[in-house]
C-alpha atoms as a PDB file:
ATOM      1  CA  MET A   1      51.118-108.986-155.651  1.00  0.00           C
ATOM      2  CA  LYS A   2      50.765-105.619-157.371  1.00  0.00           C
ATOM      3  CA  LYS A   3      47.419-105.094-155.647  1.00  0.00           C
ATOM      4  CA  MET A   4      48.998-105.866-152.265  1.00  0.00           C
ATOM      5  CA  VAL A   5      51.807-103.343-152.811  1.00  0.00           C
ATOM      6  CA  SER A   6      49.283-100.695-153.896  1.00  0.00           C
ATOM      7  CA  VAL A   7      47.191-101.236-150.778  1.00  0.00           C
ATOM      8  CA  LEU A   8      50.248-101.002-148.526  1.00  0.00           C
ATOM      9  CA  CYS A   9      51.446 -97.794-150.183  1.00  0.00           C
ATOM     10  CA  ALA A  10      48.005 -96.217-149.904  1.00  0.00           C
ATOM     11  CA  ALA A  11      47.777 -97.083-146.203  1.00  0.00           C
ATOM     12  CA  VAL A  12      51.199 -95.610-145.411  1.00  0.00           C
ATOM     13  CA  LEU A  13      50.418 -92.477-147.434  1.00  0.00           C
ATOM     14  CA  SER A  14      47.120 -91.982-145.597  1.00  0.00           C
ATOM     15  CA  LEU A  15      48.785 -92.262-142.192  1.00  0.00           C
ATOM     16  CA  SER A  16      51.520 -89.818-143.236  1.00  0.00           C
ATOM     17  CA  MET A  17      48.936 -87.246-144.330  1.00  0.00           C
ATOM     18  CA  THR A  18      47.173 -87.587-140.973  1.00  0.00           C
ATOM     19  CA  VAL A  19      50.398 -86.863-139.116  1.00  0.00           C
ATOM     20  CA  ALA A  20      51.119 -83.836-141.300  1.00  0.00           C
ATOM     21  CA  VAL A  21      47.751 -82.362-140.316  1.00  0.00           C
ATOM     22  CA  PHE A  22      48.240 -82.908-136.581  1.00  0.00           C
ATOM     23  CA  ALA A  23      51.840 -81.716-136.641  1.00  0.00           C
ATOM     24  CA  GLN A  24      51.056 -78.307-138.121  1.00  0.00           C
ATOM     25  CA  PRO A  25      52.019 -75.621-135.546  1.00  0.00           C
ATOM     26  CA  SER A  26      49.703 -72.686-134.908  1.00  0.00           C
ATOM     27  CA  PRO A  27      50.926 -69.641-136.861  1.00  0.00           C
ATOM     28  CA  GLN A  28      49.547 -67.203-134.312  1.00  0.00           C
ATOM     29  CA  VAL A  29      49.337 -66.585-130.601  1.00  0.00           C
ATOM     30  CA  SER A  30      46.174 -68.017-129.142  1.00  0.00           C
ATOM     31  CA  GLY A  31      46.893 -67.229-125.549  1.00  0.00           C
ATOM     32  CA  VAL A  32      44.094 -65.733-123.486  1.00  0.00           C
ATOM     33  CA  ALA A  33      43.741 -63.892-120.195  1.00  0.00           C
ATOM     34  CA  ALA A  34      43.884 -66.773-117.722  1.00  0.00           C
ATOM     35  CA  GLY A  35      43.310 -64.991-114.452  1.00  0.00           C
ATOM     36  CA  VAL A  36      45.257 -62.415-112.490  1.00  0.00           C
ATOM     37  CA  SER A  37      48.665 -62.692-110.834  1.00  0.00           C
ATOM     38  CA  SER A  38      48.433 -59.403-108.905  1.00  0.00           C
ATOM     39  CA  ALA A  39      46.303 -56.270-108.569  1.00  0.00           C
ATOM     40  CA  THR A  40      46.572 -53.087-106.513  1.00  0.00           C
ATOM     41  CA  ASP A  41      44.438 -49.968-106.103  1.00  0.00           C
ATOM     42  CA  ALA A  42      45.527 -46.313-105.962  1.00  0.00           C
ATOM     43  CA  ASP A  43      46.718 -46.810-102.376  1.00  0.00           C
ATOM     44  CA  ARG A  44      48.693 -49.919-103.371  1.00  0.00           C
ATOM     45  CA  ASN A  45      46.335 -52.193-101.498  1.00  0.00           C
ATOM     46  CA  ALA A  46      45.678 -55.640-102.941  1.00  0.00           C
ATOM     47  CA  VAL A  47      42.441 -55.909-104.883  1.00  0.00           C
ATOM     48  CA  ASP A  48      40.310 -58.988-105.578  1.00  0.00           C
ATOM     49  CA  VAL A  49      39.798 -58.984-109.343  1.00  0.00           C
ATOM     50  CA  LYS A  50      37.359 -61.237-111.151  1.00  0.00           C
ATOM     51  CA  VAL A  51      37.806 -62.135-114.798  1.00  0.00           C
ATOM     52  CA  GLY A  52      34.915 -63.715-116.662  1.00  0.00           C
ATOM     53  CA  SER A  53      32.849 -63.836-119.820  1.00  0.00           C
ATOM     54  CA  VAL A  54      31.580 -60.556-121.248  1.00  0.00           C
ATOM     55  CA  PRO A  55      27.827 -60.025-120.600  1.00  0.00           C
ATOM     56  CA  ALA A  56      25.540 -60.351-123.602  1.00  0.00           C
ATOM     57  CA  GLU A  57      24.666 -56.651-123.417  1.00  0.00           C
ATOM     58  CA  TYR A  58      28.209 -55.824-124.572  1.00  0.00           C
ATOM     59  CA  GLN A  59      28.367 -58.357-127.404  1.00  0.00           C
ATOM     60  CA  SER A  60      28.214 -55.633-130.059  1.00  0.00           C
ATOM     61  CA  ALA A  61      31.243 -53.961-128.454  1.00  0.00           C
ATOM     62  CA  VAL A  62      33.104 -57.288-128.486  1.00  0.00           C
ATOM     63  CA  ASP A  63      32.286 -57.807-132.165  1.00  0.00           C
ATOM     64  CA  GLU A  64      33.484 -54.288-132.926  1.00  0.00           C
ATOM     65  CA  ILE A  65      36.885 -54.708-131.301  1.00  0.00           C
ATOM     66  CA  LYS A  66      37.508 -58.063-132.956  1.00  0.00           C
ATOM     67  CA  ASN A  67      37.670 -56.160-136.229  1.00  0.00           C
ATOM     68  CA  ILE A  68      41.380 -55.541-136.791  1.00  0.00           C
ATOM     69  CA  ASP A  69      40.629 -52.270-138.595  1.00  0.00           C
ATOM     70  CA  LYS A  70      39.113 -50.913-135.382  1.00  0.00           C
ATOM     71  CA  VAL A  71      42.230 -51.962-133.465  1.00  0.00           C
ATOM     72  CA  LYS A  72      44.421 -50.175-136.016  1.00  0.00           C
ATOM     73  CA  GLU A  73      42.297 -47.062-135.652  1.00  0.00           C
ATOM     74  CA  LEU A  74      42.658 -47.052-131.870  1.00  0.00           C
ATOM     75  CA  LEU A  75      46.370 -47.867-131.721  1.00  0.00           C
ATOM     76  CA  GLY A  76      47.475 -45.647-134.587  1.00  0.00           C
ATOM     77  CA  SER A  77      51.268 -45.673-134.947  1.00  0.00           C
ATOM     78  CA  ALA A  78      51.537 -48.132-132.042  1.00  0.00           C
ATOM     79  CA  PHE A  79      49.962 -50.844-134.192  1.00  0.00           C
ATOM     80  CA  VAL A  80      52.363 -53.368-135.728  1.00  0.00           C
ATOM     81  CA  ASP A  81      51.705 -56.041-138.318  1.00  0.00           C
ATOM     82  CA  GLY A  82      50.868 -59.331-136.648  1.00  0.00           C
ATOM     83  CA  MET A  83      48.830 -57.829-133.832  1.00  0.00           C
ATOM     84  CA  GLN A  84      45.567 -59.567-133.049  1.00  0.00           C
ATOM     85  CA  VAL A  85      42.874 -59.495-130.378  1.00  0.00           C
ATOM     86  CA  VAL A  86      43.583 -62.719-128.476  1.00  0.00           C
ATOM     87  CA  ASP A  87      40.858 -62.345-125.877  1.00  0.00           C
ATOM     88  CA  VAL A  88      38.088 -60.118-124.538  1.00  0.00           C
ATOM     89  CA  LYS A  89      37.079 -60.467-120.887  1.00  0.00           C
ATOM     90  CA  ASP A  90      34.785 -58.785-118.422  1.00  0.00           C
ATOM     91  CA  VAL A  91      36.929 -57.512-115.541  1.00  0.00           C
ATOM     92  CA  THR A  92      35.411 -56.376-112.259  1.00  0.00           C
ATOM     93  CA  VAL A  93      36.564 -55.281-108.794  1.00  0.00           C
ATOM     94  CA  PRO A  94      34.585 -54.853-105.553  1.00  0.00           C
ATOM     95  CA  ASP A  95      32.486 -51.728-105.045  1.00  0.00           C
ATOM     96  CA  GLY A  96      34.433 -49.014-103.254  1.00  0.00           C
ATOM     97  CA  THR A  97      37.772 -49.900-104.878  1.00  0.00           C
ATOM     98  CA  VAL A  98      39.951 -46.799-105.229  1.00  0.00           C
ATOM     99  CA  PHE A  99      40.998 -46.189-108.822  1.00  0.00           C
ATOM    100  CA  PRO A 100      43.273 -46.243-110.705  1.00  0.00           C
ATOM    101  CA  VAL A 101      43.739 -50.004-110.422  1.00  0.00           C
ATOM    102  CA  THR A 102      46.810 -51.766-111.803  1.00  0.00           C
ATOM    103  CA  ILE A 103      46.298 -55.393-112.778  1.00  0.00           C
ATOM    104  CA  SER A 104      48.737 -58.033-114.018  1.00  0.00           C
ATOM    105  CA  PHE A 105      46.911 -60.588-116.139  1.00  0.00           C
ATOM    106  CA  ASN A 106      48.309 -64.018-116.954  1.00  0.00           C
ATOM    107  CA  VAL A 107      48.364 -64.234-120.749  1.00  0.00           C
ATOM    108  CA  THR A 108      49.801 -67.400-122.239  1.00  0.00           C
ATOM    109  CA  GLY A 109      52.461 -66.930-124.902  1.00  0.00           C
ATOM    110  CA  VAL A 110      53.429 -63.354-124.037  1.00  0.00           C
ATOM    111  CA  LYS A 111      57.098 -62.516-123.443  1.00  0.00           C
ATOM    112  CA  ALA A 112      58.755 -59.458-121.929  1.00  0.00           C
ATOM    113  CA  ASP A 113      59.615 -58.105-125.382  1.00  0.00           C
ATOM    114  CA  SER A 114      56.217 -58.843-126.945  1.00  0.00           C
ATOM    115  CA  LYS A 115      54.257 -56.006-128.500  1.00  0.00           C
ATOM    116  CA  VAL A 116      50.987 -55.771-126.582  1.00  0.00           C
ATOM    117  CA  ALA A 117      48.085 -53.392-126.052  1.00  0.00           C
ATOM    118  CA  VAL A 118      45.113 -53.368-123.704  1.00  0.00           C
ATOM    119  CA  LEU A 119      41.822 -51.811-124.699  1.00  0.00           C
ATOM    120  CA  HIS A 120      39.033 -50.946-122.276  1.00  0.00           C
ATOM    121  CA  TYR A 121      35.387 -50.423-123.156  1.00  0.00           C
ATOM    122  CA  ASP A 122      34.119 -47.264-121.478  1.00  0.00           C
ATOM    123  CA  THR A 123      30.456 -48.091-120.816  1.00  0.00           C
ATOM    124  CA  ALA A 124      29.612 -44.427-120.139  1.00  0.00           C
ATOM    125  CA  ALA A 125      31.086 -43.168-123.414  1.00  0.00           C
ATOM    126  CA  LYS A 126      30.180 -46.403-125.199  1.00  0.00           C
ATOM    127  CA  ALA A 127      33.576 -46.472-126.837  1.00  0.00           C
ATOM    128  CA  TRP A 128      36.850 -48.401-126.681  1.00  0.00           C
ATOM    129  CA  GLU A 129      39.943 -46.687-125.290  1.00  0.00           C
ATOM    130  CA  VAL A 130      43.622 -47.588-125.040  1.00  0.00           C
ATOM    131  CA  VAL A 131      45.010 -47.944-121.513  1.00  0.00           C
ATOM    132  CA  GLU A 132      48.610 -47.938-120.364  1.00  0.00           C
ATOM    133  CA  SER A 133      50.050 -51.439-120.503  1.00  0.00           C
ATOM    134  CA  LYS A 134      53.275 -53.446-120.692  1.00  0.00           C
ATOM    135  CA  ALA A 135      54.278 -57.034-121.337  1.00  0.00           C
ATOM    136  CA  GLY A 136      56.074 -59.410-119.005  1.00  0.00           C
ATOM    137  CA  ASN A 137      56.964 -63.077-119.154  1.00  0.00           C
ATOM    138  CA  GLY A 138      53.521 -64.613-119.368  1.00  0.00           C
ATOM    139  CA  THR A 139      51.790 -61.450-118.183  1.00  0.00           C
ATOM    140  CA  VAL A 140      50.266 -58.217-119.408  1.00  0.00           C
ATOM    141  CA  THR A 141      49.993 -55.393-116.858  1.00  0.00           C
ATOM    142  CA  ALA A 142      47.575 -52.507-117.352  1.00  0.00           C
ATOM    143  CA  THR A 143      46.249 -49.567-115.351  1.00  0.00           C
ATOM    144  CA  PHE A 144      42.537 -48.712-115.399  1.00  0.00           C
ATOM    145  CA  ASN A 145      40.465 -45.727-114.271  1.00  0.00           C
ATOM    146  CA  SER A 146      37.308 -47.826-114.518  1.00  0.00           C
ATOM    147  CA  LEU A 147      36.488 -51.409-115.388  1.00  0.00           C
ATOM    148  CA  SER A 148      34.209 -53.324-117.720  1.00  0.00           C
ATOM    149  CA  PRO A 149      35.063 -55.322-120.885  1.00  0.00           C
ATOM    150  CA  VAL A 150      38.800 -55.474-121.590  1.00  0.00           C
ATOM    151  CA  ALA A 151      40.438 -56.584-124.859  1.00  0.00           C
ATOM    152  CA  PHE A 152      43.970 -57.988-125.033  1.00  0.00           C
ATOM    153  CA  VAL A 153      45.983 -57.341-128.185  1.00  0.00           C
ATOM    154  CA  VAL A 154      49.217 -59.250-128.823  1.00  0.00           C
ATOM    155  CA  ASP A 155      51.676 -59.320-131.709  1.00  0.00           C
ATOM    156  CA  GLY A 156      51.846 -62.969-132.744  1.00  0.00           C
ATOM    157  CA  ASN A 157      55.261 -62.415-134.357  1.00  0.00           C
ATOM    158  CA  SER A 158      56.879 -61.438-131.066  1.00  0.00           C
ATOM    159  CA  ALA A 159      55.281 -63.964-128.742  1.00  0.00           C
ATOM    160  CA  ALA A 160      55.273 -67.716-128.336  1.00  0.00           C
ATOM    161  CA  GLY A 161      52.023 -69.526-129.128  1.00  0.00           C
ATOM    162  CA  GLY A 162      49.907 -71.181-126.471  1.00  0.00           C
ATOM    163  CA  ALA A 163      46.314 -71.716-125.574  1.00  0.00           C
ATOM    164  CA  THR A 164      44.752 -71.513-122.197  1.00  0.00           C
ATOM    165  CA  ALA A 165      41.191 -70.540-121.493  1.00  0.00           C
ATOM    166  CA  SER A 166      39.769 -69.868-118.070  1.00  0.00           C
ATOM    167  CA  GLU A 167      37.661 -67.722-115.852  1.00  0.00           C
ATOM    168  CA  SER A 168      39.346 -67.043-112.531  1.00  0.00           C
ATOM    169  CA  ASN A 169      40.117 -64.557-109.773  1.00  0.00           C
ATOM    170  CA  THR A 170      43.096 -63.656-107.610  1.00  0.00           C
ATOM    171  CA  SER A 171      42.424 -66.596-105.300  1.00  0.00           C
ATOM    172  CA  GLY A 172      43.819 -68.787-108.069  1.00  0.00           C
ATOM    173  CA  ASN A 173      40.649 -70.738-108.826  1.00  0.00           C
ATOM    174  CA  ASN A 174      40.388 -71.419-112.536  1.00  0.00           C
ATOM    175  CA  THR A 175      39.410 -73.938-115.125  1.00  0.00           C
ATOM    176  CA  SER A 176      41.656 -74.134-118.139  1.00  0.00           C
ATOM    177  CA  VAL A 177      41.901 -75.845-121.491  1.00  0.00           C
ATOM    178  CA  ASN A 178      45.451 -76.311-122.691  1.00  0.00           C
ATOM    179  CA  SER A 179      46.723 -76.758-126.217  1.00  0.00           C
ATOM    180  CA  PRO A 180      48.213 -80.114-127.266  1.00  0.00           C
ATOM    181  CA  LYS A 181      51.562 -80.751-125.594  1.00  0.00           C
ATOM    182  CA  THR A 182      54.798 -80.454-127.529  1.00  0.00           C
ATOM    183  CA  GLY A 183      55.975 -83.890-128.606  1.00  0.00           C
ATOM    184  CA  GLU A 184      52.579 -85.253-129.587  1.00  0.00           C
ATOM    185  CA  SER A 185      53.599 -84.975-133.237  1.00  0.00           C
ATOM    186  CA  SER A 186      56.676 -87.103-132.473  1.00  0.00           C
ATOM    187  CA  VAL A 187      54.481 -89.788-130.970  1.00  0.00           C
ATOM    188  CA  LEU A 188      52.289 -89.731-134.059  1.00  0.00           C
ATOM    189  CA  MET A 189      55.333 -90.053-136.301  1.00  0.00           C
ATOM    190  CA  MET A 190      56.515 -93.053-134.316  1.00  0.00           C
ATOM    191  CA  THR A 191      53.070 -94.626-134.542  1.00  0.00           C
ATOM    192  CA  VAL A 192      53.065 -94.227-138.313  1.00  0.00           C
ATOM    193  CA  ALA A 193      56.540 -95.727-138.584  1.00  0.00           C
ATOM    194  CA  VAL A 194      55.516 -98.777-136.556  1.00  0.00           C
ATOM    195  CA  ALA A 195      52.333 -99.144-138.609  1.00  0.00           C
ATOM    196  CA  ALA A 196      54.287 -98.942-141.846  1.00  0.00           C
ATOM    197  CA  VAL A 197      56.745-101.633-140.729  1.00  0.00           C
ATOM    198  CA  ALA A 198      53.863-103.844-139.633  1.00  0.00           C
ATOM    199  CA  LEU A 199      52.063-103.441-142.959  1.00  0.00           C
ATOM    200  CA  LEU A 200      55.214-104.180-144.956  1.00  0.00           C
ATOM    201  CA  GLY A 201      55.862-107.217-142.784  1.00  0.00           C
ATOM    202  CA  MET A 202      52.386-108.527-143.450  1.00  0.00           C
ATOM    203  CA  GLY A 203      52.869-108.008-147.182  1.00  0.00           C
ATOM    204  CA  THR A 204      56.168-109.868-147.178  1.00  0.00           C
ATOM    205  CA  ALA A 205      54.658-112.755-145.255  1.00  0.00           C
ATOM    206  CA  VAL A 206      51.761-113.049-147.736  1.00  0.00           C
ATOM    207  CA  ILE A 207      54.133-113.023-150.718  1.00  0.00           C
ATOM    208  CA  ARG A 208      56.380-115.708-149.176  1.00  0.00           C
ATOM    209  CA  SER A 209      53.417-117.930-148.371  1.00  0.00           C
ATOM    210  CA  ARG A 210      52.200-117.682-151.950  1.00  0.00           C
ATOM    211  CA  LYS A 211      55.640-118.648-153.310  1.00  0.00           C
ATOM    212  CA  ARG A 212      55.781-121.699-151.043  1.00  0.00           C
ATOM    213  CA  ALA A 213      52.352-122.754-152.221  1.00  0.00           C
END
């Protein structure tokens, strides 16, 4: 009987630990640039913007900007604790586009009062620069005088977490990967509860059968 109780307790404990792992919320914003909601050139004409993976030739620049010390250096007093580079994308527009170009990117987790920054890699100067930007509900809008790799910096303390990854353009075509839906932890908890009741029921049945014997 003691062995049966020990086995049941161990099983319930194991299931509970599994739920605790899955239920842990992400402590930081993991939203990424998931396409463009709008874009206009210097003459306020709509522009077709493409957002994709950064070419291998700029990988060293990507690695550089993922270092938070480099971000602090670029932002100076505008940097706040909790800021992180949530994504780096290659952004392009058609040849002949009249700059400056203003683009509103869809960035999951960003709110209107979020602290954000947009950094652009100047391929001519081979250096990162800060461009004018502002946050919206689910968007980050920035104005560029040229385009190439773009890094998105968001303060995780002032934005809601989320994860969406895609490569898309203004036509709305994209492929995304979403984070687990809210409520999955509740389902797991319910599953554990049912499993625990079932295990205890089995134990009780075994004990009763032994007594009758």
